[in-house]
Amino acid sequence: MEQKYQETDGSVGWKPNDDRFRTTPTKEVFALWEIYNDLPKGSARLNFRIENKDLDEWGQLTQGWKPATGTVTPEEKEQLTLDEQIATRLAGMGGANQLLPVFRG
């Protein structure tokens, strides 16, 4: 596809700055979006956005988010890492017949 685009110089098909794809996330941002959606609402999501500027910029463009500002303390970063691990595992369990883990504290 890229070769065809280069041969037509963008005169046929899509163009590099095509506005139809302006809000389409990259693969990396989409993977972050899936993790973000599985995080608990509140400070965990805000801290995740602070740590992942690409996700935050995409969310501002498409979701109407206000910029995530501030810093993440070492304690919050440690908790965020645990939340990310759980969210990443949940995002990977997309199958209908998958059993979800049971957490007992």
PDB file of N, CA and C in Angstrom:
ATOM      1  N   MET A   1       0.837  -1.187   0.000  1.00  0.00           N
ATOM      2  CA  MET A   1       0.000   0.000   0.000  1.00  0.00           C
ATOM      3  C   MET A   1       0.879   1.247   0.000  1.00  0.00           C
ATOM      4  N   GLU A   2       1.946   1.211   0.773  1.00  0.00           N
ATOM      5  CA  GLU A   2       2.824   2.372   0.837  1.00  0.00           C
ATOM      6  C   GLU A   2       3.455   2.637  -0.524  1.00  0.00           C
ATOM      7  N   GLN A   3       3.819   1.552  -1.223  1.00  0.00           N
ATOM      8  CA  GLN A   3       4.414   1.718  -2.541  1.00  0.00           C
ATOM      9  C   GLN A   3       3.418   2.359  -3.504  1.00  0.00           C
ATOM     10  N   LYS A   4       2.172   1.903  -3.475  1.00  0.00           N
ATOM     11  CA  LYS A   4       1.155   2.487  -4.340  1.00  0.00           C
ATOM     12  C   LYS A   4       0.980   3.974  -4.034  1.00  0.00           C
ATOM     13  N   TYR A   5       1.008   4.325  -2.763  1.00  0.00           N
ATOM     14  CA  TYR A   5       0.876   5.728  -2.381  1.00  0.00           C
ATOM     15  C   TYR A   5       2.049   6.533  -2.935  1.00  0.00           C
ATOM     16  N   GLN A   6       3.261   5.985  -2.812  1.00  0.00           N
ATOM     17  CA  GLN A   6       4.436   6.711  -3.302  1.00  0.00           C
ATOM     18  C   GLN A   6       4.386   6.875  -4.818  1.00  0.00           C
ATOM     19  N   GLU A   7       3.877   5.864  -5.510  1.00  0.00           N
ATOM     20  CA  GLU A   7       3.796   5.941  -6.968  1.00  0.00           C
ATOM     21  C   GLU A   7       2.781   6.980  -7.427  1.00  0.00           C
ATOM     22  N   THR A   8       1.687   7.142  -6.684  1.00  0.00           N
ATOM     23  CA  THR A   8       0.659   8.093  -7.099  1.00  0.00           C
ATOM     24  C   THR A   8       0.879   9.469  -6.499  1.00  0.00           C
ATOM     25  N   ASP A   9       1.894   9.605  -5.647  1.00  0.00           N
ATOM     26  CA  ASP A   9       2.213  10.889  -5.021  1.00  0.00           C
ATOM     27  C   ASP A   9       1.014  11.460  -4.268  1.00  0.00           C
ATOM     28  N   GLY A  10       0.163  10.596  -3.764  1.00  0.00           N
ATOM     29  CA  GLY A  10      -0.974  11.049  -2.974  1.00  0.00           C
ATOM     30  C   GLY A  10      -2.129  11.584  -3.790  1.00  0.00           C
ATOM     31  N   SER A  11      -2.022  11.579  -5.118  1.00  0.00           N
ATOM     32  CA  SER A  11      -3.111  12.132  -5.928  1.00  0.00           C
ATOM     33  C   SER A  11      -4.305  11.185  -5.984  1.00  0.00           C
ATOM     34  N   VAL A  12      -4.077   9.904  -5.723  1.00  0.00           N
ATOM     35  CA  VAL A  12      -5.151   8.924  -5.691  1.00  0.00           C
ATOM     36  C   VAL A  12      -5.146   8.302  -4.300  1.00  0.00           C
ATOM     37  N   GLY A  13      -6.306   8.178  -3.689  1.00  0.00           N
ATOM     38  CA  GLY A  13      -6.362   7.556  -2.368  1.00  0.00           C
ATOM     39  C   GLY A  13      -6.090   8.543  -1.263  1.00  0.00           C
ATOM     40  N   TRP A  14      -5.518   8.068  -0.170  1.00  0.00           N
ATOM     41  CA  TRP A  14      -5.321   8.902   1.005  1.00  0.00           C
ATOM     42  C   TRP A  14      -4.106   9.794   0.863  1.00  0.00           C
ATOM     43  N   LYS A  15      -4.084  10.823   1.635  1.00  0.00           N
ATOM     44  CA  LYS A  15      -2.969  11.762   1.661  1.00  0.00           C
ATOM     45  C   LYS A  15      -2.380  11.768   3.080  1.00  0.00           C
ATOM     46  N   PRO A  16      -1.117  12.170   3.232  1.00  0.00           N
ATOM     47  CA  PRO A  16      -0.490  12.091   4.555  1.00  0.00           C
ATOM     48  C   PRO A  16      -1.242  12.836   5.652  1.00  0.00           C
ATOM     49  N   ASN A  17      -1.824  13.948   5.361  1.00  0.00           N
ATOM     50  CA  ASN A  17      -2.510  14.744   6.384  1.00  0.00           C
ATOM     51  C   ASN A  17      -4.020  14.668   6.214  1.00  0.00           C
ATOM     52  N   ASP A  18      -4.517  13.521   5.846  1.00  0.00           N
ATOM     53  CA  ASP A  18      -5.942  13.322   5.624  1.00  0.00           C
ATOM     54  C   ASP A  18      -6.691  13.488   6.942  1.00  0.00           C
ATOM     55  N   ASP A  19      -7.609  14.448   7.012  1.00  0.00           N
ATOM     56  CA  ASP A  19      -8.333  14.742   8.249  1.00  0.00           C
ATOM     57  C   ASP A  19      -9.228  13.600   8.709  1.00  0.00           C
ATOM     58  N   ARG A  20      -9.577  12.685   7.818  1.00  0.00           N
ATOM     59  CA  ARG A  20     -10.426  11.562   8.224  1.00  0.00           C
ATOM     60  C   ARG A  20      -9.720  10.679   9.240  1.00  0.00           C
ATOM     61  N   PHE A  21      -8.399  10.678   9.228  1.00  0.00           N
ATOM     62  CA  PHE A  21      -7.634   9.810  10.118  1.00  0.00           C
ATOM     63  C   PHE A  21      -6.976  10.575  11.254  1.00  0.00           C
ATOM     64  N   ARG A  22      -7.324  11.827  11.409  1.00  0.00           N
ATOM     65  CA  ARG A  22      -6.703  12.679  12.426  1.00  0.00           C
ATOM     66  C   ARG A  22      -6.942  12.145  13.834  1.00  0.00           C
ATOM     67  N   THR A  23      -8.109  11.566  14.072  1.00  0.00           N
ATOM     68  CA  THR A  23      -8.440  11.102  15.424  1.00  0.00           C
ATOM     69  C   THR A  23      -8.188   9.607  15.629  1.00  0.00           C
ATOM     70  N   THR A  24      -7.673   8.926  14.618  1.00  0.00           N
ATOM     71  CA  THR A  24      -7.381   7.504  14.745  1.00  0.00           C
ATOM     72  C   THR A  24      -6.091   7.325  15.532  1.00  0.00           C
ATOM     73  N   PRO A  25      -6.137   6.574  16.639  1.00  0.00           N
ATOM     74  CA  PRO A  25      -4.917   6.419  17.447  1.00  0.00           C
ATOM     75  C   PRO A  25      -3.920   5.477  16.782  1.00  0.00           C
ATOM     76  N   THR A  26      -2.661   5.656  17.115  1.00  0.00           N
ATOM     77  CA  THR A  26      -1.638   4.710  16.678  1.00  0.00           C
ATOM     78  C   THR A  26      -1.835   3.397  17.440  1.00  0.00           C
ATOM     79  N   LYS A  27      -1.145   2.356  17.020  1.00  0.00           N
ATOM     80  CA  LYS A  27      -1.239   1.074  17.733  1.00  0.00           C
ATOM     81  C   LYS A  27      -0.806   1.232  19.185  1.00  0.00           C
ATOM     82  N   GLU A  28       0.246   2.015  19.392  1.00  0.00           N
ATOM     83  CA  GLU A  28       0.771   2.201  20.742  1.00  0.00           C
ATOM     84  C   GLU A  28      -0.243   2.931  21.625  1.00  0.00           C
ATOM     85  N   VAL A  29      -0.848   3.994  21.080  1.00  0.00           N
ATOM     86  CA  VAL A  29      -1.826   4.758  21.856  1.00  0.00           C
ATOM     87  C   VAL A  29      -3.071   3.914  22.105  1.00  0.00           C
ATOM     88  N   PHE A  30      -3.478   3.107  21.134  1.00  0.00           N
ATOM     89  CA  PHE A  30      -4.647   2.250  21.337  1.00  0.00           C
ATOM     90  C   PHE A  30      -4.387   1.231  22.445  1.00  0.00           C
ATOM     91  N   ALA A  31      -3.164   0.681  22.478  1.00  0.00           N
ATOM     92  CA  ALA A  31      -2.815  -0.270  23.551  1.00  0.00           C
ATOM     93  C   ALA A  31      -2.856   0.431  24.911  1.00  0.00           C
ATOM     94  N   LEU A  32      -2.373   1.673  24.975  1.00  0.00           N
ATOM     95  CA  LEU A  32      -2.451   2.445  26.218  1.00  0.00           C
ATOM     96  C   LEU A  32      -3.900   2.732  26.588  1.00  0.00           C
ATOM     97  N   TRP A  33      -4.728   3.006  25.592  1.00  0.00           N
ATOM     98  CA  TRP A  33      -6.155   3.297  25.804  1.00  0.00           C
ATOM     99  C   TRP A  33      -6.851   2.089  26.444  1.00  0.00           C
ATOM    100  N   GLU A  34      -6.520   0.888  25.972  1.00  0.00           N
ATOM    101  CA  GLU A  34      -7.120  -0.319  26.546  1.00  0.00           C
ATOM    102  C   GLU A  34      -6.729  -0.482  28.015  1.00  0.00           C
ATOM    103  N   ILE A  35      -5.477  -0.224  28.324  1.00  0.00           N
ATOM    104  CA  ILE A  35      -5.020  -0.308  29.719  1.00  0.00           C
ATOM    105  C   ILE A  35      -5.710   0.770  30.549  1.00  0.00           C
ATOM    106  N   TYR A  36      -5.764   1.986  30.015  1.00  0.00           N
ATOM    107  CA  TYR A  36      -6.393   3.114  30.707  1.00  0.00           C
ATOM    108  C   TYR A  36      -7.843   2.789  31.073  1.00  0.00           C
ATOM    109  N   ASN A  37      -8.574   2.180  30.160  1.00  0.00           N
ATOM    110  CA  ASN A  37      -9.987   1.871  30.406  1.00  0.00           C
ATOM    111  C   ASN A  37     -10.185   0.847  31.508  1.00  0.00           C
ATOM    112  N   ASP A  38      -9.180   0.008  31.744  1.00  0.00           N
ATOM    113  CA  ASP A  38      -9.299  -0.998  32.794  1.00  0.00           C
ATOM    114  C   ASP A  38      -8.781  -0.515  34.154  1.00  0.00           C
ATOM    115  N   LEU A  39      -8.208   0.678  34.194  1.00  0.00           N
ATOM    116  CA  LEU A  39      -7.745   1.231  35.471  1.00  0.00           C
ATOM    117  C   LEU A  39      -8.932   1.766  36.268  1.00  0.00           C
ATOM    118  N   PRO A  40      -8.832   1.761  37.599  1.00  0.00           N
ATOM    119  CA  PRO A  40      -9.902   2.358  38.398  1.00  0.00           C
ATOM    120  C   PRO A  40      -9.973   3.865  38.130  1.00  0.00           C
ATOM    121  N   LYS A  41     -11.179   4.399  38.176  1.00  0.00           N
ATOM    122  CA  LYS A  41     -11.351   5.828  37.926  1.00  0.00           C
ATOM    123  C   LYS A  41     -10.712   6.628  39.043  1.00  0.00           C
ATOM    124  N   GLY A  42     -10.275   7.826  38.698  1.00  0.00           N
ATOM    125  CA  GLY A  42      -9.685   8.712  39.692  1.00  0.00           C
ATOM    126  C   GLY A  42      -8.207   8.904  39.462  1.00  0.00           C
ATOM    127  N   SER A  43      -7.461   8.899  40.556  1.00  0.00           N
ATOM    128  CA  SER A  43      -6.036   9.243  40.474  1.00  0.00           C
ATOM    129  C   SER A  43      -5.234   8.234  39.650  1.00  0.00           C
ATOM    130  N   ALA A  44      -5.634   6.978  39.626  1.00  0.00           N
ATOM    131  CA  ALA A  44      -4.886   5.988  38.837  1.00  0.00           C
ATOM    132  C   ALA A  44      -4.912   6.360  37.356  1.00  0.00           C
ATOM    133  N   ARG A  45      -6.079   6.746  36.863  1.00  0.00           N
ATOM    134  CA  ARG A  45      -6.180   7.138  35.451  1.00  0.00           C
ATOM    135  C   ARG A  45      -5.431   8.442  35.184  1.00  0.00           C
ATOM    136  N   LEU A  46      -5.564   9.403  36.082  1.00  0.00           N
ATOM    137  CA  LEU A  46      -4.874  10.672  35.901  1.00  0.00           C
ATOM    138  C   LEU A  46      -3.360  10.465  35.884  1.00  0.00           C
ATOM    139  N   ASN A  47      -2.855   9.688  36.821  1.00  0.00           N
ATOM    140  CA  ASN A  47      -1.424   9.412  36.871  1.00  0.00           C
ATOM    141  C   ASN A  47      -0.953   8.678  35.622  1.00  0.00           C
ATOM    142  N   PHE A  48      -1.773   7.773  35.103  1.00  0.00           N
ATOM    143  CA  PHE A  48      -1.422   7.047  33.881  1.00  0.00           C
ATOM    144  C   PHE A  48      -1.315   8.014  32.709  1.00  0.00           C
ATOM    145  N   ARG A  49      -2.228   8.977  32.645  1.00  0.00           N
ATOM    146  CA  ARG A  49      -2.175   9.981  31.577  1.00  0.00           C
ATOM    147  C   ARG A  49      -0.947  10.871  31.725  1.00  0.00           C
ATOM    148  N   ILE A  50      -0.575  11.221  32.953  1.00  0.00           N
ATOM    149  CA  ILE A  50       0.622  12.041  33.178  1.00  0.00           C
ATOM    150  C   ILE A  50       1.860  11.284  32.701  1.00  0.00           C
ATOM    151  N   GLU A  51       1.900   9.992  32.958  1.00  0.00           N
ATOM    152  CA  GLU A  51       3.048   9.171  32.569  1.00  0.00           C
ATOM    153  C   GLU A  51       3.069   8.867  31.067  1.00  0.00           C
ATOM    154  N   ASN A  52       1.940   8.975  30.393  1.00  0.00           N
ATOM    155  CA  ASN A  52       1.831   8.633  28.967  1.00  0.00           C
ATOM    156  C   ASN A  52       1.253   9.820  28.201  1.00  0.00           C
ATOM    157  N   LYS A  53       2.133  10.740  27.828  1.00  0.00           N
ATOM    158  CA  LYS A  53       1.718  12.001  27.192  1.00  0.00           C
ATOM    159  C   LYS A  53       1.008  11.772  25.856  1.00  0.00           C
ATOM    160  N   ASP A  54       1.413  10.742  25.102  1.00  0.00           N
ATOM    161  CA  ASP A  54       0.761  10.480  23.811  1.00  0.00           C
ATOM    162  C   ASP A  54      -0.716  10.156  24.009  1.00  0.00           C
ATOM    163  N   LEU A  55      -1.017   9.347  25.015  1.00  0.00           N
ATOM    164  CA  LEU A  55      -2.403   9.022  25.325  1.00  0.00           C
ATOM    165  C   LEU A  55      -3.163  10.272  25.735  1.00  0.00           C
ATOM    166  N   ASP A  56      -2.540  11.097  26.560  1.00  0.00           N
ATOM    167  CA  ASP A  56      -3.196  12.308  27.041  1.00  0.00           C
ATOM    168  C   ASP A  56      -3.498  13.263  25.883  1.00  0.00           C
ATOM    169  N   GLU A  57      -2.553  13.427  24.965  1.00  0.00           N
ATOM    170  CA  GLU A  57      -2.773  14.312  23.815  1.00  0.00           C
ATOM    171  C   GLU A  57      -3.883  13.787  22.921  1.00  0.00           C
ATOM    172  N   TRP A  58      -3.911  12.468  22.703  1.00  0.00           N
ATOM    173  CA  TRP A  58      -4.972  11.875  21.893  1.00  0.00           C
ATOM    174  C   TRP A  58      -6.332  12.048  22.579  1.00  0.00           C
ATOM    175  N   GLY A  59      -6.370  11.869  23.884  1.00  0.00           N
ATOM    176  CA  GLY A  59      -7.612  12.045  24.635  1.00  0.00           C
ATOM    177  C   GLY A  59      -8.113  13.478  24.600  1.00  0.00           C
ATOM    178  N   GLN A  60      -7.194  14.434  24.611  1.00  0.00           N
ATOM    179  CA  GLN A  60      -7.599  15.833  24.498  1.00  0.00           C
ATOM    180  C   GLN A  60      -8.225  16.095  23.138  1.00  0.00           C
ATOM    181  N   LEU A  61      -7.658  15.485  22.101  1.00  0.00           N
ATOM    182  CA  LEU A  61      -8.145  15.680  20.743  1.00  0.00           C
ATOM    183  C   LEU A  61      -9.490  14.999  20.513  1.00  0.00           C
ATOM    184  N   THR A  62      -9.652  13.798  21.023  1.00  0.00           N
ATOM    185  CA  THR A  62     -10.839  13.003  20.680  1.00  0.00           C
ATOM    186  C   THR A  62     -11.880  12.894  21.787  1.00  0.00           C
ATOM    187  N   GLN A  63     -11.463  12.980  23.045  1.00  0.00           N
ATOM    188  CA  GLN A  63     -12.372  12.756  24.159  1.00  0.00           C
ATOM    189  C   GLN A  63     -12.734  14.031  24.911  1.00  0.00           C
ATOM    190  N   GLY A  64     -12.105  15.138  24.541  1.00  0.00           N
ATOM    191  CA  GLY A  64     -12.383  16.395  25.219  1.00  0.00           C
ATOM    192  C   GLY A  64     -11.749  16.498  26.596  1.00  0.00           C
ATOM    193  N   TRP A  65     -10.680  15.720  26.843  1.00  0.00           N
ATOM    194  CA  TRP A  65     -10.008  15.780  28.131  1.00  0.00           C
ATOM    195  C   TRP A  65      -9.303  17.116  28.299  1.00  0.00           C
ATOM    196  N   LYS A  66      -9.176  17.541  29.535  1.00  0.00           N
ATOM    197  CA  LYS A  66      -8.296  18.654  29.860  1.00  0.00           C
ATOM    198  C   LYS A  66      -6.906  18.055  30.059  1.00  0.00           C
ATOM    199  N   PRO A  67      -5.852  18.841  29.803  1.00  0.00           N
ATOM    200  CA  PRO A  67      -4.503  18.284  29.950  1.00  0.00           C
ATOM    201  C   PRO A  67      -4.246  17.765  31.367  1.00  0.00           C
ATOM    202  N   ALA A  68      -3.633  16.597  31.440  1.00  0.00           N
ATOM    203  CA  ALA A  68      -3.252  16.024  32.729  1.00  0.00           C
ATOM    204  C   ALA A  68      -1.959  16.696  33.167  1.00  0.00           C
ATOM    205  N   THR A  69      -2.001  17.345  34.307  1.00  0.00           N
ATOM    206  CA  THR A  69      -0.821  18.047  34.795  1.00  0.00           C
ATOM    207  C   THR A  69      -0.451  17.530  36.172  1.00  0.00           C
ATOM    208  N   GLY A  70       0.750  17.832  36.576  1.00  0.00           N
ATOM    209  CA  GLY A  70       1.219  17.423  37.886  1.00  0.00           C
ATOM    210  C   GLY A  70       2.365  16.444  37.767  1.00  0.00           C
ATOM    211  N   THR A  71       2.756  15.925  38.899  1.00  0.00           N
ATOM    212  CA  THR A  71       3.816  14.924  38.936  1.00  0.00           C
ATOM    213  C   THR A  71       3.306  13.713  39.705  1.00  0.00           C
ATOM    214  N   VAL A  72       3.928  12.616  39.445  1.00  0.00           N
ATOM    215  CA  VAL A  72       3.560  11.371  40.114  1.00  0.00           C
ATOM    216  C   VAL A  72       4.631  11.070  41.160  1.00  0.00           C
ATOM    217  N   THR A  73       4.207  10.937  42.426  1.00  0.00           N
ATOM    218  CA  THR A  73       5.151  10.629  43.498  1.00  0.00           C
ATOM    219  C   THR A  73       5.622   9.181  43.367  1.00  0.00           C
ATOM    220  N   PRO A  74       6.732   8.834  43.975  1.00  0.00           N
ATOM    221  CA  PRO A  74       7.200   7.443  43.915  1.00  0.00           C
ATOM    222  C   PRO A  74       6.157   6.444  44.436  1.00  0.00           C
ATOM    223  N   GLU A  75       5.416   6.822  45.479  1.00  0.00           N
ATOM    224  CA  GLU A  75       4.385   5.926  46.012  1.00  0.00           C
ATOM    225  C   GLU A  75       3.253   5.739  44.992  1.00  0.00           C
ATOM    226  N   GLU A  76       2.856   6.846  44.353  1.00  0.00           N
ATOM    227  CA  GLU A  76       1.804   6.754  43.333  1.00  0.00           C
ATOM    228  C   GLU A  76       2.289   5.950  42.136  1.00  0.00           C
ATOM    229  N   LYS A  77       3.562   6.126  41.769  1.00  0.00           N
ATOM    230  CA  LYS A  77       4.119   5.378  40.642  1.00  0.00           C
ATOM    231  C   LYS A  77       4.128   3.885  40.943  1.00  0.00           C
ATOM    232  N   GLU A  78       4.446   3.522  42.172  1.00  0.00           N
ATOM    233  CA  GLU A  78       4.446   2.108  42.555  1.00  0.00           C
ATOM    234  C   GLU A  78       3.035   1.535  42.472  1.00  0.00           C
ATOM    235  N   GLN A  79       2.048   2.279  42.980  1.00  0.00           N
ATOM    236  CA  GLN A  79       0.664   1.829  42.912  1.00  0.00           C
ATOM    237  C   GLN A  79       0.182   1.784  41.464  1.00  0.00           C
ATOM    238  N   LEU A  80       0.580   2.783  40.678  1.00  0.00           N
ATOM    239  CA  LEU A  80       0.197   2.818  39.268  1.00  0.00           C
ATOM    240  C   LEU A  80       0.748   1.601  38.539  1.00  0.00           C
ATOM    241  N   THR A  81       1.971   1.207  38.864  1.00  0.00           N
ATOM    242  CA  THR A  81       2.564   0.034  38.235  1.00  0.00           C
ATOM    243  C   THR A  81       1.737  -1.211  38.543  1.00  0.00           C
ATOM    244  N   LEU A  82       1.278  -1.360  39.777  1.00  0.00           N
ATOM    245  CA  LEU A  82       0.436  -2.502  40.131  1.00  0.00           C
ATOM    246  C   LEU A  82      -0.892  -2.443  39.381  1.00  0.00           C
ATOM    247  N   ASP A  83      -1.501  -1.250  39.329  1.00  0.00           N
ATOM    248  CA  ASP A  83      -2.761  -1.089  38.605  1.00  0.00           C
ATOM    249  C   ASP A  83      -2.581  -1.386  37.121  1.00  0.00           C
ATOM    250  N   GLU A  84      -1.457  -0.941  36.545  1.00  0.00           N
ATOM    251  CA  GLU A  84      -1.185  -1.200  35.135  1.00  0.00           C
ATOM    252  C   GLU A  84      -1.042  -2.692  34.875  1.00  0.00           C
ATOM    253  N   GLN A  85      -0.364  -3.386  35.776  1.00  0.00           N
ATOM    254  CA  GLN A  85      -0.184  -4.831  35.602  1.00  0.00           C
ATOM    255  C   GLN A  85      -1.530  -5.542  35.583  1.00  0.00           C
ATOM    256  N   ILE A  86      -2.395  -5.168  36.503  1.00  0.00           N
ATOM    257  CA  ILE A  86      -3.726  -5.786  36.554  1.00  0.00           C
ATOM    258  C   ILE A  86      -4.516  -5.419  35.306  1.00  0.00           C
ATOM    259  N   ALA A  87      -4.498  -4.138  34.920  1.00  0.00           N
ATOM    260  CA  ALA A  87      -5.247  -3.691  33.747  1.00  0.00           C
ATOM    261  C   ALA A  87      -4.724  -4.344  32.478  1.00  0.00           C
ATOM    262  N   THR A  88      -3.416  -4.528  32.376  1.00  0.00           N
ATOM    263  CA  THR A  88      -2.833  -5.169  31.204  1.00  0.00           C
ATOM    264  C   THR A  88      -3.297  -6.619  31.119  1.00  0.00           C
ATOM    265  N   ARG A  89      -3.319  -7.297  32.248  1.00  0.00           N
ATOM    266  CA  ARG A  89      -3.797  -8.681  32.255  1.00  0.00           C
ATOM    267  C   ARG A  89      -5.266  -8.751  31.866  1.00  0.00           C
ATOM    268  N   LEU A  90      -6.072  -7.835  32.405  1.00  0.00           N
ATOM    269  CA  LEU A  90      -7.495  -7.830  32.062  1.00  0.00           C
ATOM    270  C   LEU A  90      -7.717  -7.513  30.588  1.00  0.00           C
ATOM    271  N   ALA A  91      -6.936  -6.589  30.031  1.00  0.00           N
ATOM    272  CA  ALA A  91      -7.062  -6.239  28.615  1.00  0.00           C
ATOM    273  C   ALA A  91      -6.722  -7.440  27.739  1.00  0.00           C
ATOM    274  N   GLY A  92      -5.799  -8.286  28.199  1.00  0.00           N
ATOM    275  CA  GLY A  92      -5.414  -9.469  27.438  1.00  0.00           C
ATOM    276  C   GLY A  92      -6.399 -10.611  27.553  1.00  0.00           C
ATOM    277  N   MET A  93      -7.359 -10.516  28.460  1.00  0.00           N
ATOM    278  CA  MET A  93      -8.347 -11.582  28.666  1.00  0.00           C
ATOM    279  C   MET A  93      -9.642 -11.251  27.944  1.00  0.00           C
ATOM    280  N   GLY A  94      -9.539 -10.971  26.666  1.00  0.00           N
ATOM    281  CA  GLY A  94     -10.706 -10.554  25.908  1.00  0.00           C
ATOM    282  C   GLY A  94     -11.623 -11.684  25.501  1.00  0.00           C
ATOM    283  N   GLY A  95     -11.193 -12.921  25.608  1.00  0.00           N
ATOM    284  CA  GLY A  95     -12.018 -14.045  25.175  1.00  0.00           C
ATOM    285  C   GLY A  95     -13.246 -14.228  26.040  1.00  0.00           C
ATOM    286  N   ALA A  96     -14.341 -14.640  25.416  1.00  0.00           N
ATOM    287  CA  ALA A  96     -15.606 -14.791  26.137  1.00  0.00           C
ATOM    288  C   ALA A  96     -15.556 -15.914  27.171  1.00  0.00           C
ATOM    289  N   ASN A  97     -14.730 -16.932  26.923  1.00  0.00           N
ATOM    290  CA  ASN A  97     -14.681 -18.063  27.838  1.00  0.00           C
ATOM    291  C   ASN A  97     -13.521 -17.983  28.822  1.00  0.00           C
ATOM    292  N   GLN A  98     -12.869 -16.827  28.891  1.00  0.00           N
ATOM    293  CA  GLN A  98     -11.746 -16.651  29.811  1.00  0.00           C
ATOM    294  C   GLN A  98     -12.266 -16.459  31.235  1.00  0.00           C
ATOM    295  N   LEU A  99     -11.596 -17.074  32.187  1.00  0.00           N
ATOM    296  CA  LEU A  99     -11.933 -16.876  33.594  1.00  0.00           C
ATOM    297  C   LEU A  99     -11.127 -15.687  34.117  1.00  0.00           C
ATOM    298  N   LEU A 100     -11.765 -14.812  34.803  1.00  0.00           N
ATOM    299  CA  LEU A 100     -11.082 -13.668  35.392  1.00  0.00           C
ATOM    300  C   LEU A 100     -10.468 -14.073  36.727  1.00  0.00           C
ATOM    301  N   PRO A 101      -9.319 -13.499  37.068  1.00  0.00           N
ATOM    302  CA  PRO A 101      -8.698 -13.835  38.335  1.00  0.00           C
ATOM    303  C   PRO A 101      -9.514 -13.319  39.509  1.00  0.00           C
ATOM    304  N   VAL A 102      -9.428 -14.040  40.617  1.00  0.00           N
ATOM    305  CA  VAL A 102     -10.110 -13.643  41.835  1.00  0.00           C
ATOM    306  C   VAL A 102      -9.039 -13.145  42.791  1.00  0.00           C
ATOM    307  N   PHE A 103      -9.209 -11.908  43.255  1.00  0.00           N
ATOM    308  CA  PHE A 103      -8.248 -11.324  44.184  1.00  0.00           C
ATOM    309  C   PHE A 103      -8.829 -11.362  45.583  1.00  0.00           C
ATOM    310  N   ARG A 104      -8.079 -11.961  46.462  1.00  0.00           N
ATOM    311  CA  ARG A 104      -8.508 -12.008  47.851  1.00  0.00           C
ATOM    312  C   ARG A 104      -7.432 -11.369  48.688  1.00  0.00           C
ATOM    313  N   GLY A 105      -7.837 -10.452  49.524  1.00  0.00           N
ATOM    314  CA  GLY A 105      -6.832  -9.731  50.289  1.00  0.00           C
ATOM    315  C   GLY A 105      -6.915 -10.040  51.699  1.00  0.00           C
TER     316      GLY A 105
END
